[in-house]
Amino acid sequence: QVQLVESGGGLVQPGGSLRLSCAASTSIFSIYAMGWYRQAPGKQREWVARLASGGNTYYTDSVKGRFTISRDNSKNTMYLQMNSLKPEDTALYYCNTYPRNNDWWGQGTQVTVSS
């Protein structure tokens, strides 16, 4: 059973930056396409960014040019660099495979963008 642990969230002002981390309990990033997802209060969980096993990256339109997904296979860690944050980016952020594996959801990390 793979465990994914998200960290790095926090409270940030609009226009600020955060870097989220996703630590995996085993080496999976070179095997699976991975993604970052988020869920805002009262909304469904949505896909934000994904990283193919070969290295190609894809982003949902609302974060293009502001978010960057990356990974360090040697550390079994994936990252989401978030710049120019907006209040609408406020959500609980999760990592998982892409497509998602419902057995592998972690606790998520809260990102709050507010002045």
C-alpha atoms as a PDB file:
ATOM      1  CA  GLN A   1       0.000   0.000   0.000  1.00  0.00           C
ATOM      2  CA  VAL A   2       1.433   3.358  -1.072  1.00  0.00           C
ATOM      3  CA  GLN A   3       1.203   6.271   1.325  1.00  0.00           C
ATOM      4  CA  LEU A   4       1.244   9.849   0.082  1.00  0.00           C
ATOM      5  CA  VAL A   5       1.878  12.707   2.508  1.00  0.00           C
ATOM      6  CA  GLU A   6       1.266  16.293   1.466  1.00  0.00           C
ATOM      7  CA  SER A   7       2.849  19.287   3.189  1.00  0.00           C
ATOM      8  CA  GLY A   8       3.738  22.923   2.646  1.00  0.00           C
ATOM      9  CA  GLY A   9       0.361  24.566   2.786  1.00  0.00           C
ATOM     10  CA  GLY A  10      -0.418  27.674   4.780  1.00  0.00           C
ATOM     11  CA  LEU A  11      -1.916  31.122   4.819  1.00  0.00           C
ATOM     12  CA  VAL A  12      -0.594  33.499   2.173  1.00  0.00           C
ATOM     13  CA  GLN A  13      -1.632  36.883   0.855  1.00  0.00           C
ATOM     14  CA  PRO A  14      -2.870  37.300  -2.709  1.00  0.00           C
ATOM     15  CA  GLY A  15       0.089  37.429  -5.061  1.00  0.00           C
ATOM     16  CA  GLY A  16       2.213  35.306  -2.753  1.00  0.00           C
ATOM     17  CA  SER A  17       3.853  31.941  -3.298  1.00  0.00           C
ATOM     18  CA  LEU A  18       3.909  28.504  -1.701  1.00  0.00           C
ATOM     19  CA  ARG A  19       5.610  25.246  -2.544  1.00  0.00           C
ATOM     20  CA  LEU A  20       3.738  22.068  -1.757  1.00  0.00           C
ATOM     21  CA  SER A  21       5.463  18.722  -1.321  1.00  0.00           C
ATOM     22  CA  CYS A  22       4.162  15.202  -1.765  1.00  0.00           C
ATOM     23  CA  ALA A  23       6.254  12.455  -0.200  1.00  0.00           C
ATOM     24  CA  ALA A  24       5.623   8.889  -1.294  1.00  0.00           C
ATOM     25  CA  SER A  25       6.394   5.838   0.830  1.00  0.00           C
ATOM     26  CA  THR A  26       7.894   4.047  -2.153  1.00  0.00           C
ATOM     27  CA  SER A  27       9.316   4.817  -5.593  1.00  0.00           C
ATOM     28  CA  ILE A  28       6.312   5.477  -7.780  1.00  0.00           C
ATOM     29  CA  PHE A  29       6.983   8.731  -9.607  1.00  0.00           C
ATOM     30  CA  SER A  30       8.972   7.136 -12.396  1.00  0.00           C
ATOM     31  CA  ILE A  31       6.263   4.507 -12.852  1.00  0.00           C
ATOM     32  CA  TYR A  32       2.995   6.408 -12.629  1.00  0.00           C
ATOM     33  CA  ALA A  33       1.773   9.686 -13.986  1.00  0.00           C
ATOM     34  CA  MET A  34       1.119  11.844 -10.927  1.00  0.00           C
ATOM     35  CA  GLY A  35      -1.170  14.739 -10.244  1.00  0.00           C
ATOM     36  CA  TRP A  36      -2.064  17.473  -7.842  1.00  0.00           C
ATOM     37  CA  TYR A  37      -5.719  17.912  -7.013  1.00  0.00           C
ATOM     38  CA  ARG A  38      -7.620  20.399  -4.879  1.00  0.00           C
ATOM     39  CA  GLN A  39     -10.975  20.651  -3.204  1.00  0.00           C
ATOM     40  CA  ALA A  40     -12.489  23.953  -2.150  1.00  0.00           C
ATOM     41  CA  PRO A  41     -15.319  24.115   0.403  1.00  0.00           C
ATOM     42  CA  GLY A  42     -18.591  23.075  -1.154  1.00  0.00           C
ATOM     43  CA  LYS A  43     -16.965  22.051  -4.424  1.00  0.00           C
ATOM     44  CA  GLN A  44     -15.881  18.808  -5.995  1.00  0.00           C
ATOM     45  CA  ARG A  45     -12.253  17.750  -5.997  1.00  0.00           C
ATOM     46  CA  GLU A  46     -10.600  18.882  -9.209  1.00  0.00           C
ATOM     47  CA  TRP A  47      -7.415  18.130 -11.047  1.00  0.00           C
ATOM     48  CA  VAL A  48      -4.858  20.981 -11.036  1.00  0.00           C
ATOM     49  CA  ALA A  49      -1.634  19.689 -12.558  1.00  0.00           C
ATOM     50  CA  ARG A  50      -0.168  16.427 -13.745  1.00  0.00           C
ATOM     51  CA  LEU A  51       3.246  15.058 -14.488  1.00  0.00           C
ATOM     52  CA  ALA A  52       3.627  12.169 -16.882  1.00  0.00           C
ATOM     53  CA  SER A  53       6.143   9.459 -16.058  1.00  0.00           C
ATOM     54  CA  GLY A  54       8.145  10.659 -19.054  1.00  0.00           C
ATOM     55  CA  GLY A  55       8.245  14.196 -17.709  1.00  0.00           C
ATOM     56  CA  ASN A  56       5.594  16.060 -19.694  1.00  0.00           C
ATOM     57  CA  THR A  57       3.504  18.461 -17.634  1.00  0.00           C
ATOM     58  CA  TYR A  58      -0.098  19.589 -17.985  1.00  0.00           C
ATOM     59  CA  TYR A  59      -2.141  22.184 -16.123  1.00  0.00           C
ATOM     60  CA  THR A  60      -5.735  23.146 -15.778  1.00  0.00           C
ATOM     61  CA  ASP A  61      -6.391  26.493 -17.436  1.00  0.00           C
ATOM     62  CA  SER A  62      -6.891  28.437 -14.213  1.00  0.00           C
ATOM     63  CA  VAL A  63      -3.323  27.780 -13.001  1.00  0.00           C
ATOM     64  CA  LYS A  64      -1.364  27.836 -16.257  1.00  0.00           C
ATOM     65  CA  GLY A  65       1.615  30.159 -16.020  1.00  0.00           C
ATOM     66  CA  ARG A  66       1.368  30.323 -12.231  1.00  0.00           C
ATOM     67  CA  PHE A  67       1.864  26.742 -11.001  1.00  0.00           C
ATOM     68  CA  THR A  68       4.721  24.359 -11.765  1.00  0.00           C
ATOM     69  CA  ILE A  69       4.700  20.641 -11.028  1.00  0.00           C
ATOM     70  CA  SER A  70       7.975  18.769 -10.623  1.00  0.00           C
ATOM     71  CA  ARG A  71       9.441  15.739  -8.940  1.00  0.00           C
ATOM     72  CA  ASP A  72      12.664  14.410  -7.419  1.00  0.00           C
ATOM     73  CA  ASN A  73      12.722  10.659  -7.969  1.00  0.00           C
ATOM     74  CA  SER A  74      15.731  10.248  -5.671  1.00  0.00           C
ATOM     75  CA  LYS A  75      13.678  11.665  -2.791  1.00  0.00           C
ATOM     76  CA  ASN A  76      10.364  10.057  -3.768  1.00  0.00           C
ATOM     77  CA  THR A  77       8.934  13.570  -3.620  1.00  0.00           C
ATOM     78  CA  MET A  78       6.776  15.628  -5.941  1.00  0.00           C
ATOM     79  CA  TYR A  79       6.308  19.375  -5.733  1.00  0.00           C
ATOM     80  CA  LEU A  80       3.847  22.047  -6.729  1.00  0.00           C
ATOM     81  CA  GLN A  81       5.307  25.537  -6.913  1.00  0.00           C
ATOM     82  CA  MET A  82       2.453  28.018  -6.739  1.00  0.00           C
ATOM     83  CA  ASN A  83       3.077  31.651  -7.622  1.00  0.00           C
ATOM     84  CA  SER A  84       0.776  34.663  -7.985  1.00  0.00           C
ATOM     85  CA  LEU A  85      -1.744  33.008  -5.727  1.00  0.00           C
ATOM     86  CA  LYS A  86      -5.341  34.146  -5.835  1.00  0.00           C
ATOM     87  CA  PRO A  87      -8.163  33.821  -3.292  1.00  0.00           C
ATOM     88  CA  GLU A  88      -9.835  31.302  -5.616  1.00  0.00           C
ATOM     89  CA  ASP A  89      -6.814  29.015  -5.146  1.00  0.00           C
ATOM     90  CA  THR A  90      -7.916  28.461  -1.551  1.00  0.00           C
ATOM     91  CA  ALA A  91      -8.495  24.731  -1.109  1.00  0.00           C
ATOM     92  CA  LEU A  92      -7.256  21.509   0.393  1.00  0.00           C
ATOM     93  CA  TYR A  93      -4.552  20.209  -1.935  1.00  0.00           C
ATOM     94  CA  TYR A  94      -3.840  16.523  -2.517  1.00  0.00           C
ATOM     95  CA  CYS A  95      -1.460  14.470  -4.597  1.00  0.00           C
ATOM     96  CA  ASN A  96      -2.299  11.160  -6.225  1.00  0.00           C
ATOM     97  CA  THR A  97      -1.700   9.241  -9.377  1.00  0.00           C
ATOM     98  CA  TYR A  98      -3.287  10.443 -12.604  1.00  0.00           C
ATOM     99  CA  PRO A  99      -5.883   9.104 -13.077  1.00  0.00           C
ATOM    100  CA  ARG A 100      -6.471   9.038  -9.339  1.00  0.00           C
ATOM    101  CA  ASN A 101      -6.247   5.910  -7.221  1.00  0.00           C
ATOM    102  CA  ASN A 102      -8.946   6.195  -4.594  1.00  0.00           C
ATOM    103  CA  ASP A 103      -7.005   3.956  -2.211  1.00  0.00           C
ATOM    104  CA  TRP A 104      -4.058   6.338  -2.120  1.00  0.00           C
ATOM    105  CA  TRP A 105      -5.541   9.658  -0.986  1.00  0.00           C
ATOM    106  CA  GLY A 106      -3.606  11.343   1.788  1.00  0.00           C
ATOM    107  CA  GLN A 107      -4.790  13.953   4.287  1.00  0.00           C
ATOM    108  CA  GLY A 108      -4.022  16.883   2.024  1.00  0.00           C
ATOM    109  CA  THR A 109      -2.498  20.239   2.886  1.00  0.00           C
ATOM    110  CA  GLN A 110      -4.567  23.396   3.314  1.00  0.00           C
ATOM    111  CA  VAL A 111      -3.817  26.457   1.221  1.00  0.00           C
ATOM    112  CA  THR A 112      -5.560  29.669   2.181  1.00  0.00           C
ATOM    113  CA  VAL A 113      -5.092  32.820   0.115  1.00  0.00           C
ATOM    114  CA  SER A 114      -6.416  35.836   1.930  1.00  0.00           C
ATOM    115  CA  SER A 115      -5.462  39.351   2.881  1.00  0.00           C
END
